[in-house]
Amino acid sequence: MTGSRDKTAKVWDSDTLNLMGTLKGHRKGVWDAKFSSWDQLIATSSADTTIKIWSLATFECIQVRIFFKILDIVRYFTKYEQSCAKSEK
């Protein structure tokens, strides 16, 4: 996965390096993207102070979290990353 200043995140096939899908919906650049294979979800964080949760099957946004402080985004994303790591064990 890659995040970009063009306000999108892209999901790539790791074997062929072909583009599988583009996640569109952030109003500012995408800072980070995390994948949970257990839930088949993707989480993206953006400079627009939102975290979006996406379905890997449809590449559609299924949840939006709005934050008013950048530090809150970092805290939430860190917890999400930790829960993904635990669920994949």
N, C-alpha and C. Protein backbone atom coordinates (compact mmCIF):
# COMPACT_ATOMS: atom_id res chain seq x y z
N MET A 1 0.83 -1.17 0.00
CA MET A 1 0.00 0.00 0.00
C MET A 1 0.88 1.23 0.00
N THR A 2 0.38 2.25 -0.64
CA THR A 2 1.07 3.53 -0.63
C THR A 2 0.06 4.64 -0.36
N GLY A 3 0.50 5.66 0.37
CA GLY A 3 -0.29 6.86 0.58
C GLY A 3 0.37 7.99 -0.17
N SER A 4 -0.42 9.01 -0.52
CA SER A 4 0.13 10.06 -1.37
C SER A 4 -0.46 11.43 -1.04
N ARG A 5 0.27 12.44 -1.45
CA ARG A 5 -0.23 13.82 -1.33
C ARG A 5 -1.37 14.08 -2.29
N ASP A 6 -1.62 13.16 -3.24
CA ASP A 6 -2.74 13.36 -4.18
C ASP A 6 -4.08 12.95 -3.55
N LYS A 7 -4.10 12.72 -2.22
CA LYS A 7 -5.30 12.42 -1.43
C LYS A 7 -5.80 10.99 -1.60
N THR A 8 -4.97 10.11 -2.12
CA THR A 8 -5.38 8.72 -2.30
C THR A 8 -4.39 7.77 -1.64
N ALA A 9 -4.85 6.55 -1.43
CA ALA A 9 -3.99 5.44 -1.06
C ALA A 9 -4.19 4.39 -2.13
N LYS A 10 -3.14 3.69 -2.47
CA LYS A 10 -3.22 2.68 -3.52
C LYS A 10 -2.82 1.32 -2.95
N VAL A 11 -3.55 0.30 -3.38
CA VAL A 11 -3.28 -1.07 -2.96
C VAL A 11 -2.68 -1.80 -4.15
N TRP A 12 -1.50 -2.41 -3.92
CA TRP A 12 -0.75 -3.07 -4.99
C TRP A 12 -0.66 -4.57 -4.71
N ASP A 13 -0.66 -5.36 -5.76
CA ASP A 13 -0.42 -6.79 -5.65
C ASP A 13 1.07 -6.98 -5.39
N SER A 14 1.42 -7.66 -4.32
CA SER A 14 2.84 -7.78 -3.95
C SER A 14 3.61 -8.71 -4.89
N ASP A 15 2.93 -9.59 -5.59
CA ASP A 15 3.61 -10.50 -6.52
C ASP A 15 3.84 -9.86 -7.88
N THR A 16 2.80 -9.23 -8.43
CA THR A 16 2.89 -8.69 -9.79
C THR A 16 3.17 -7.20 -9.84
N LEU A 17 3.00 -6.53 -8.68
CA LEU A 17 3.14 -5.08 -8.57
C LEU A 17 2.09 -4.32 -9.38
N ASN A 18 1.00 -5.01 -9.73
CA ASN A 18 -0.12 -4.36 -10.41
C ASN A 18 -1.00 -3.65 -9.41
N LEU A 19 -1.59 -2.54 -9.83
CA LEU A 19 -2.52 -1.80 -8.99
C LEU A 19 -3.81 -2.59 -8.84
N MET A 20 -4.21 -2.83 -7.58
CA MET A 20 -5.45 -3.57 -7.30
C MET A 20 -6.62 -2.62 -7.07
N GLY A 21 -6.34 -1.46 -6.47
CA GLY A 21 -7.42 -0.53 -6.18
C GLY A 21 -6.89 0.78 -5.65
N THR A 22 -7.70 1.82 -5.80
CA THR A 22 -7.37 3.15 -5.31
C THR A 22 -8.43 3.58 -4.31
N LEU A 23 -7.98 4.01 -3.14
CA LEU A 23 -8.88 4.47 -2.08
C LEU A 23 -8.99 5.98 -2.16
N LYS A 24 -10.15 6.46 -2.54
CA LYS A 24 -10.37 7.90 -2.72
C LYS A 24 -11.38 8.40 -1.71
N GLY A 25 -11.13 9.59 -1.18
CA GLY A 25 -12.09 10.17 -0.26
C GLY A 25 -11.51 11.15 0.74
N HIS A 26 -10.20 11.10 0.95
CA HIS A 26 -9.59 12.08 1.85
C HIS A 26 -9.53 13.44 1.15
N ARG A 27 -9.60 14.50 1.96
CA ARG A 27 -9.56 15.86 1.41
C ARG A 27 -8.17 16.46 1.37
N LYS A 28 -7.22 15.77 2.04
CA LYS A 28 -5.81 16.19 2.01
C LYS A 28 -4.96 14.94 1.87
N GLY A 29 -3.64 15.12 1.81
CA GLY A 29 -2.74 14.00 1.59
C GLY A 29 -2.88 12.87 2.60
N VAL A 30 -2.62 11.66 2.14
CA VAL A 30 -2.68 10.46 2.99
C VAL A 30 -1.29 10.24 3.59
N TRP A 31 -1.22 10.23 4.92
CA TRP A 31 0.04 10.07 5.62
C TRP A 31 0.48 8.62 5.73
N ASP A 32 -0.48 7.75 6.05
CA ASP A 32 -0.12 6.38 6.37
C ASP A 32 -1.27 5.46 6.03
N ALA A 33 -0.95 4.20 5.81
CA ALA A 33 -1.97 3.18 5.54
C ALA A 33 -1.53 1.89 6.20
N LYS A 34 -2.47 1.21 6.84
CA LYS A 34 -2.19 -0.06 7.52
C LYS A 34 -3.20 -1.09 7.04
N PHE A 35 -2.75 -2.34 6.98
CA PHE A 35 -3.56 -3.44 6.49
C PHE A 35 -3.76 -4.47 7.58
N SER A 36 -4.98 -4.94 7.74
CA SER A 36 -5.27 -6.04 8.66
C SER A 36 -5.77 -7.21 7.83
N SER A 37 -4.93 -8.24 7.69
CA SER A 37 -5.34 -9.40 6.90
C SER A 37 -6.43 -10.19 7.61
N TRP A 38 -6.45 -10.16 8.91
CA TRP A 38 -7.46 -10.88 9.67
C TRP A 38 -8.85 -10.31 9.42
N ASP A 39 -8.97 -8.97 9.45
CA ASP A 39 -10.26 -8.31 9.25
C ASP A 39 -10.53 -7.99 7.79
N GLN A 40 -9.50 -8.12 6.94
CA GLN A 40 -9.61 -7.71 5.53
C GLN A 40 -10.00 -6.23 5.43
N LEU A 41 -9.33 -5.42 6.26
CA LEU A 41 -9.58 -3.98 6.30
C LEU A 41 -8.28 -3.22 6.09
N ILE A 42 -8.45 -1.98 5.66
CA ILE A 42 -7.33 -1.04 5.52
C ILE A 42 -7.71 0.21 6.30
N ALA A 43 -6.76 0.76 7.02
CA ALA A 43 -6.96 2.04 7.70
C ALA A 43 -6.00 3.06 7.10
N THR A 44 -6.51 4.24 6.79
CA THR A 44 -5.67 5.32 6.27
C THR A 44 -5.81 6.54 7.17
N SER A 45 -4.71 7.27 7.34
CA SER A 45 -4.76 8.53 8.09
C SER A 45 -4.33 9.65 7.15
N SER A 46 -4.90 10.82 7.38
CA SER A 46 -4.70 11.93 6.45
C SER A 46 -4.49 13.25 7.16
N ALA A 47 -3.93 14.18 6.43
CA ALA A 47 -3.75 15.55 6.94
C ALA A 47 -5.10 16.25 7.12
N ASP A 48 -6.18 15.66 6.61
CA ASP A 48 -7.51 16.26 6.82
C ASP A 48 -8.08 15.92 8.20
N THR A 49 -7.26 15.35 9.07
CA THR A 49 -7.55 14.94 10.46
C THR A 49 -8.60 13.83 10.53
N THR A 50 -8.62 12.95 9.55
CA THR A 50 -9.51 11.80 9.60
C THR A 50 -8.71 10.51 9.46
N ILE A 51 -9.30 9.47 10.01
CA ILE A 51 -8.86 8.10 9.74
C ILE A 51 -10.04 7.43 9.07
N LYS A 52 -9.79 6.77 7.97
CA LYS A 52 -10.85 6.07 7.25
C LYS A 52 -10.53 4.58 7.27
N ILE A 53 -11.58 3.79 7.47
CA ILE A 53 -11.48 2.33 7.43
C ILE A 53 -12.13 1.88 6.14
N TRP A 54 -11.41 1.04 5.39
CA TRP A 54 -11.84 0.62 4.06
C TRP A 54 -11.97 -0.90 4.00
N SER A 55 -12.92 -1.36 3.19
CA SER A 55 -13.05 -2.78 2.92
C SER A 55 -12.04 -3.18 1.85
N LEU A 56 -11.28 -4.24 2.12
CA LEU A 56 -10.33 -4.71 1.12
C LEU A 56 -11.05 -5.37 -0.06
N ALA A 57 -12.22 -5.91 0.19
CA ALA A 57 -12.97 -6.59 -0.87
C ALA A 57 -13.54 -5.63 -1.90
N THR A 58 -14.01 -4.46 -1.43
CA THR A 58 -14.70 -3.52 -2.33
C THR A 58 -13.95 -2.20 -2.53
N PHE A 59 -12.94 -1.96 -1.70
CA PHE A 59 -12.20 -0.69 -1.68
C PHE A 59 -13.11 0.51 -1.37
N GLU A 60 -14.20 0.26 -0.66
CA GLU A 60 -15.12 1.32 -0.25
C GLU A 60 -14.86 1.69 1.20
N CYS A 61 -15.03 2.98 1.51
CA CYS A 61 -14.88 3.45 2.87
C CYS A 61 -16.09 2.98 3.68
N ILE A 62 -15.82 2.32 4.82
CA ILE A 62 -16.92 1.83 5.63
C ILE A 62 -17.03 2.55 6.98
N GLN A 63 -16.01 3.34 7.31
CA GLN A 63 -16.06 4.09 8.57
C GLN A 63 -15.11 5.28 8.50
N VAL A 64 -15.53 6.39 9.11
CA VAL A 64 -14.69 7.59 9.17
C VAL A 64 -14.59 8.02 10.63
N ARG A 65 -13.39 8.29 11.08
CA ARG A 65 -13.16 8.85 12.41
C ARG A 65 -12.58 10.25 12.21
N ILE A 66 -13.22 11.24 12.82
CA ILE A 66 -12.74 12.62 12.70
C ILE A 66 -12.08 13.01 14.02
N PHE A 67 -10.90 13.60 13.90
CA PHE A 67 -10.14 14.04 15.06
C PHE A 67 -9.88 15.53 14.95
N PHE A 68 -9.73 16.17 16.09
CA PHE A 68 -9.49 17.61 16.09
C PHE A 68 -8.04 17.95 16.41
N LYS A 69 -7.29 16.96 16.85
CA LYS A 69 -5.87 17.16 17.14
C LYS A 69 -5.07 16.07 16.44
N ILE A 70 -3.96 16.45 15.86
CA ILE A 70 -3.09 15.48 15.17
C ILE A 70 -2.62 14.39 16.12
N LEU A 71 -2.32 14.73 17.36
CA LEU A 71 -1.84 13.74 18.32
C LEU A 71 -2.88 12.64 18.54
N ASP A 72 -4.17 12.98 18.50
CA ASP A 72 -5.22 11.99 18.67
C ASP A 72 -5.20 10.98 17.52
N ILE A 73 -4.89 11.44 16.31
CA ILE A 73 -4.79 10.53 15.17
C ILE A 73 -3.65 9.55 15.40
N VAL A 74 -2.51 10.05 15.83
CA VAL A 74 -1.35 9.19 16.07
C VAL A 74 -1.69 8.13 17.12
N ARG A 75 -2.34 8.54 18.21
CA ARG A 75 -2.70 7.59 19.26
C ARG A 75 -3.66 6.52 18.74
N TYR A 76 -4.69 6.93 18.01
CA TYR A 76 -5.67 5.98 17.48
C TYR A 76 -5.01 5.02 16.50
N PHE A 77 -4.19 5.55 15.62
CA PHE A 77 -3.56 4.72 14.59
C PHE A 77 -2.60 3.72 15.23
N THR A 78 -1.91 4.13 16.28
CA THR A 78 -1.01 3.23 16.99
C THR A 78 -1.80 2.08 17.62
N LYS A 79 -2.95 2.39 18.23
CA LYS A 79 -3.79 1.34 18.82
C LYS A 79 -4.32 0.41 17.74
N TYR A 80 -4.72 0.95 16.59
CA TYR A 80 -5.21 0.12 15.49
C TYR A 80 -4.12 -0.82 15.00
N GLU A 81 -2.92 -0.29 14.85
CA GLU A 81 -1.79 -1.11 14.39
C GLU A 81 -1.51 -2.23 15.38
N GLN A 82 -1.55 -1.94 16.67
CA GLN A 82 -1.30 -2.96 17.68
C GLN A 82 -2.38 -4.03 17.66
N SER A 83 -3.64 -3.63 17.48
CA SER A 83 -4.72 -4.62 17.45
C SER A 83 -4.62 -5.50 16.20
N CYS A 84 -4.17 -4.94 15.09
CA CYS A 84 -3.96 -5.73 13.87
C CYS A 84 -2.87 -6.77 14.08
N ALA A 85 -1.81 -6.37 14.73
CA ALA A 85 -0.70 -7.28 14.97
C ALA A 85 -1.13 -8.43 15.88
N LYS A 86 -1.93 -8.13 16.90
CA LYS A 86 -2.40 -9.18 17.81
C LYS A 86 -3.33 -10.15 17.09
N SER A 87 -4.21 -9.63 16.24
CA SER A 87 -5.20 -10.49 15.58
C SER A 87 -4.56 -11.38 14.52
N GLU A 88 -3.39 -11.03 14.02
CA GLU A 88 -2.75 -11.81 12.99
C GLU A 88 -1.87 -12.93 13.55
N LYS A 89 -1.73 -12.97 14.87
CA LYS A 89 -0.89 -14.02 15.49
C LYS A 89 -1.66 -15.31 15.61
